[in-house]
Protein backbone atom coordinates (compact mmCIF):
# COMPACT_ATOMS: atom_id res chain seq x y z
CA VAL A 1 79.28 58.39 116.39
CA PRO A 2 75.77 58.13 118.07
CA PRO A 3 72.80 58.25 115.22
CA VAL A 4 70.94 61.07 114.61
CA PRO A 5 68.29 62.38 115.24
CA LEU A 6 68.93 61.26 118.67
CA VAL A 7 66.56 61.41 122.25
CA VAL A 8 68.28 60.15 125.28
CA VAL A 9 65.32 59.24 128.28
CA VAL A 10 66.09 59.46 131.66
CA GLY A 11 64.56 58.58 134.64
CA ALA A 12 64.83 60.68 138.05
CA SER A 13 63.50 57.82 139.78
CA GLY A 14 62.42 54.56 139.72
CA ALA A 15 59.51 53.02 138.25
CA CYS A 16 58.75 56.74 136.73
CA GLY A 17 57.65 55.73 133.30
CA ALA A 18 60.63 56.44 131.74
CA THR A 19 61.12 53.18 129.39
CA THR A 20 57.09 54.00 128.50
CA THR A 21 57.89 57.60 127.38
CA ALA A 22 60.88 56.79 125.33
CA LEU A 23 58.70 53.85 123.10
CA ALA A 24 55.77 56.56 123.36
CA ILE A 25 58.55 58.83 121.54
CA ALA A 26 59.28 56.66 118.98
CA THR A 27 55.72 55.25 118.25
CA ILE A 28 55.12 59.14 117.64
CA ALA A 29 58.30 59.67 115.19
CA ALA A 30 57.35 56.78 113.32
CA ALA A 31 53.58 57.55 112.83
CA PRO A 32 53.83 59.14 109.50
CA GLU A 33 54.18 56.96 106.89
CA ASN A 34 57.24 55.37 105.96
CA CYS A 35 58.78 56.92 108.45
CA ALA A 36 60.60 54.09 111.23
CA ALA A 37 62.21 54.77 114.55
CA ARG A 38 64.53 52.65 116.97
CA VAL A 39 64.62 52.09 120.73
CA VAL A 40 67.68 51.46 122.35
CA GLU A 41 67.02 50.26 126.69
CA CYS A 42 70.48 50.15 128.17
CA ALA A 43 68.99 48.24 131.61
CA SER A 44 69.85 44.67 131.92
CA ALA A 45 67.26 41.79 130.90
CA ALA A 46 65.87 41.21 134.03
CA GLU A 47 65.04 44.95 134.72
CA SER A 48 64.25 45.71 130.69
CA GLY A 49 60.58 47.47 130.68
CA LEU A 50 60.22 46.43 126.57
CA GLY A 51 60.52 42.48 127.00
CA SER A 52 56.72 42.48 126.50
CA ALA A 53 56.41 45.77 124.13
CA CYS A 54 57.48 43.35 121.08
CA THR A 55 54.76 41.99 118.72
CA ALA A 56 57.66 40.34 116.85
CA GLU A 57 61.16 39.15 117.95
CA LEU A 58 64.16 39.21 115.59
CA GLY A 59 66.76 37.36 117.35
CA GLU A 60 70.09 38.17 119.35
CA ILE A 61 73.03 40.27 118.14
CA ASP A 62 76.07 40.81 120.06
CA GLY A 63 74.64 41.02 122.94
CA TRP A 64 71.64 42.44 122.54
CA ARG A 65 68.45 41.15 121.61
CA ARG A 66 66.32 43.22 118.67
CA GLY A 67 62.39 42.91 118.09
CA ARG A 68 59.80 45.41 116.66
CA ARG A 69 56.39 46.87 117.34
CA GLU A 70 54.33 48.26 114.38
CA ARG A 71 57.54 50.43 112.69
CA VAL A 72 59.40 50.74 115.60
CA THR A 73 62.21 48.70 116.32
CA ILE A 74 63.45 47.56 120.26
CA TRP A 75 66.96 46.63 120.96
CA ARG A 76 67.07 45.26 124.49
CA VAL A 77 70.23 44.17 126.30
CA ASP A 78 70.21 40.11 125.98
CA GLY A 79 72.05 39.07 129.58
CA THR A 80 72.78 40.82 133.07
CA VAL A 81 74.86 43.83 133.76
CA ALA A 82 75.79 45.19 136.87
CA ALA A 83 76.12 48.82 136.25
CA LEU A 84 76.00 51.41 132.93
CA ASP A 85 79.52 50.98 131.89
CA GLN A 86 79.21 46.74 131.27
CA VAL A 87 76.18 47.92 128.80
CA PRO A 88 78.13 46.79 125.02
CA ARG A 89 77.76 48.99 122.55
CA PRO A 90 74.66 48.24 120.07
CA PRO A 91 75.66 46.95 116.78
CA VAL A 92 75.27 48.60 113.88
CA LEU A 93 72.17 49.98 113.70
CA ASP A 94 69.64 48.45 111.15
CA PRO A 95 68.88 50.80 108.28
CA VAL A 96 65.69 52.42 108.52
CA ASP A 97 63.75 53.74 105.13
CA GLY A 98 62.48 57.89 105.31
CA PRO A 99 63.09 60.18 108.16
CA ALA A 100 63.99 58.53 111.77
CA VAL A 101 65.23 58.89 115.19
CA THR A 102 67.02 56.97 117.80
CA VAL A 103 65.69 56.90 120.96
CA LEU A 104 68.32 55.88 124.04
CA ASP A 105 66.73 55.05 126.91
CA ILE A 106 69.18 54.61 129.96
CA GLY A 107 67.78 52.48 132.32
CA TRP A 108 70.06 53.22 134.97
CA ASP A 109 70.49 55.93 138.16
CA VAL A 110 71.65 58.83 137.29
CA SER A 111 74.29 58.60 139.71
CA GLN A 112 76.04 56.19 136.96
CA LEU A 113 76.56 58.25 134.28
CA PRO A 114 79.33 60.44 135.58
CA ALA A 115 81.63 57.38 135.57
CA ALA A 116 79.57 56.52 131.60
CA SER A 117 81.09 59.64 130.46
CA LEU A 118 83.70 57.83 128.74
CA HIS A 119 81.21 54.86 127.80
CA TRP A 120 79.36 54.92 124.53
CA ALA A 121 75.76 56.10 126.31
CA GLY A 122 78.01 58.52 127.97
CA ARG A 123 79.48 59.98 124.58
CA TRP A 124 75.91 59.56 123.41
CA LEU A 125 74.02 61.52 126.41
CA ALA A 126 76.58 64.78 125.06
CA ARG A 127 75.72 64.56 121.57
CA ALA A 128 71.63 64.61 121.86
CA ASP A 129 69.80 66.43 120.05
CA ALA A 130 67.37 66.10 123.20
CA VAL A 131 67.00 65.15 126.40
CA VAL A 132 63.52 63.82 128.04
CA VAL A 133 63.97 63.46 132.20
CA VAL A 134 60.63 61.94 133.31
CA ALA A 135 59.71 61.65 136.83
CA GLU A 136 56.37 61.22 138.82
CA ALA A 137 54.41 64.22 140.59
CA THR A 138 55.45 62.77 144.07
CA VAL A 139 57.79 64.62 146.98
CA PRO A 140 60.51 61.56 146.04
CA SER A 141 60.41 62.23 142.34
CA LEU A 142 60.22 65.39 142.30
CA ARG A 143 63.67 66.26 144.66
CA ARG A 144 65.31 63.52 142.41
CA LEU A 145 64.32 65.25 139.38
CA GLU A 146 66.48 68.22 140.92
CA SER A 147 69.17 66.27 140.99
CA THR A 148 69.30 64.63 138.30
CA LEU A 149 68.90 67.80 136.54
CA LYS A 150 71.69 69.24 138.26
CA ARG A 151 73.74 66.25 136.63
CA LEU A 152 73.28 66.83 133.17
CA PRO A 153 76.52 67.67 130.43
CA GLY A 154 76.76 71.66 131.22
CA ARG A 155 75.36 72.57 127.76
CA LEU A 156 71.84 71.13 128.97
CA VAL A 157 71.66 72.43 132.19
CA GLY A 158 70.99 75.86 130.85
CA GLY A 159 67.70 74.41 128.77
CA GLN A 160 67.99 72.12 126.36
CA PHE A 161 66.13 69.74 128.09
CA LEU A 162 62.33 68.75 128.37
CA VAL A 163 60.97 67.76 131.65
CA ALA A 164 57.98 64.90 131.36
CA VAL A 165 55.88 64.13 134.88
CA LEU A 166 53.82 61.74 135.38
CA GLY A 167 50.15 63.01 137.12
CA PRO A 168 48.80 66.34 136.91
CA ARG A 169 49.55 69.39 135.15
CA PRO A 170 51.49 71.24 137.49
CA ARG A 171 49.23 73.98 138.92
CA ARG A 172 47.12 71.55 139.89
CA TRP A 173 50.17 69.72 142.07
CA PRO A 174 48.80 69.55 145.96
CA ARG A 175 50.80 72.32 148.11
CA HIS A 176 53.85 70.21 149.47
CA VAL A 177 54.24 68.50 146.56
CA ALA A 178 54.91 71.54 144.73
CA ALA A 179 56.92 73.07 147.31
CA ALA A 180 59.66 70.29 146.61
CA ALA A 181 59.99 71.06 143.34
CA GLY A 182 63.48 73.06 142.78
CA PRO A 183 64.89 76.22 140.82
CA LEU A 184 65.95 73.78 137.59
CA THR A 185 62.39 72.30 137.88
CA ASP A 186 60.29 75.67 138.50
CA ALA A 187 62.88 77.05 135.51
CA ALA A 188 61.16 74.03 133.60
CA ILE A 189 57.63 75.03 133.96
CA GLN A 190 57.97 78.56 133.72
CA ASP A 191 59.84 78.21 129.83
CA ASN A 192 57.10 75.64 128.61
CA ARG A 193 59.63 72.76 128.42
CA LEU A 194 57.64 70.81 131.08
CA VAL A 195 55.02 68.50 129.94
CA TRP A 196 52.83 66.07 132.06
CA LEU A 197 51.93 62.81 130.96
CA PRO A 198 48.25 61.96 132.16
CA PHE A 199 48.09 58.18 133.92
């Protein structure tokens, strides 16, 4: 059973800022006094974006490395894995004091999600309290964003997701960039479910 509340972060394209967004969500969640949060990153060790984020290393447990940054505990894979469905299940997550959130950073191309539907990460995605899909304000990334939104579990495609786009707000996108936004992306903009992350 996934930890609750659970936020899942999915990158629409490589190097679009999904891991940074996952850490930012956890950091904000842990900001109130006596709160704590966790980030669980599924990327292979060589691809991890969180290796340098930890200010303290807390050791290795069952194929995972655990670290800390302020009140955020960071779990990352300790080794090389070739696919999302090879990522080991995280050990029993450490208890935290006060209200908490777990942020799962999928860290793999969304095309691997159907194959992982029976994997623990697929089950966590299906039960997530919120899903954040991250993209960049570029033509290729917005095209990938649309295909990523189509691959989300059925209950999410109806509107239970948030889009975070690295770059300017949509009304400032160049015309050719705005034209790359598909219907699900346009719906997210109209429903105020798209936020922009400045560089």
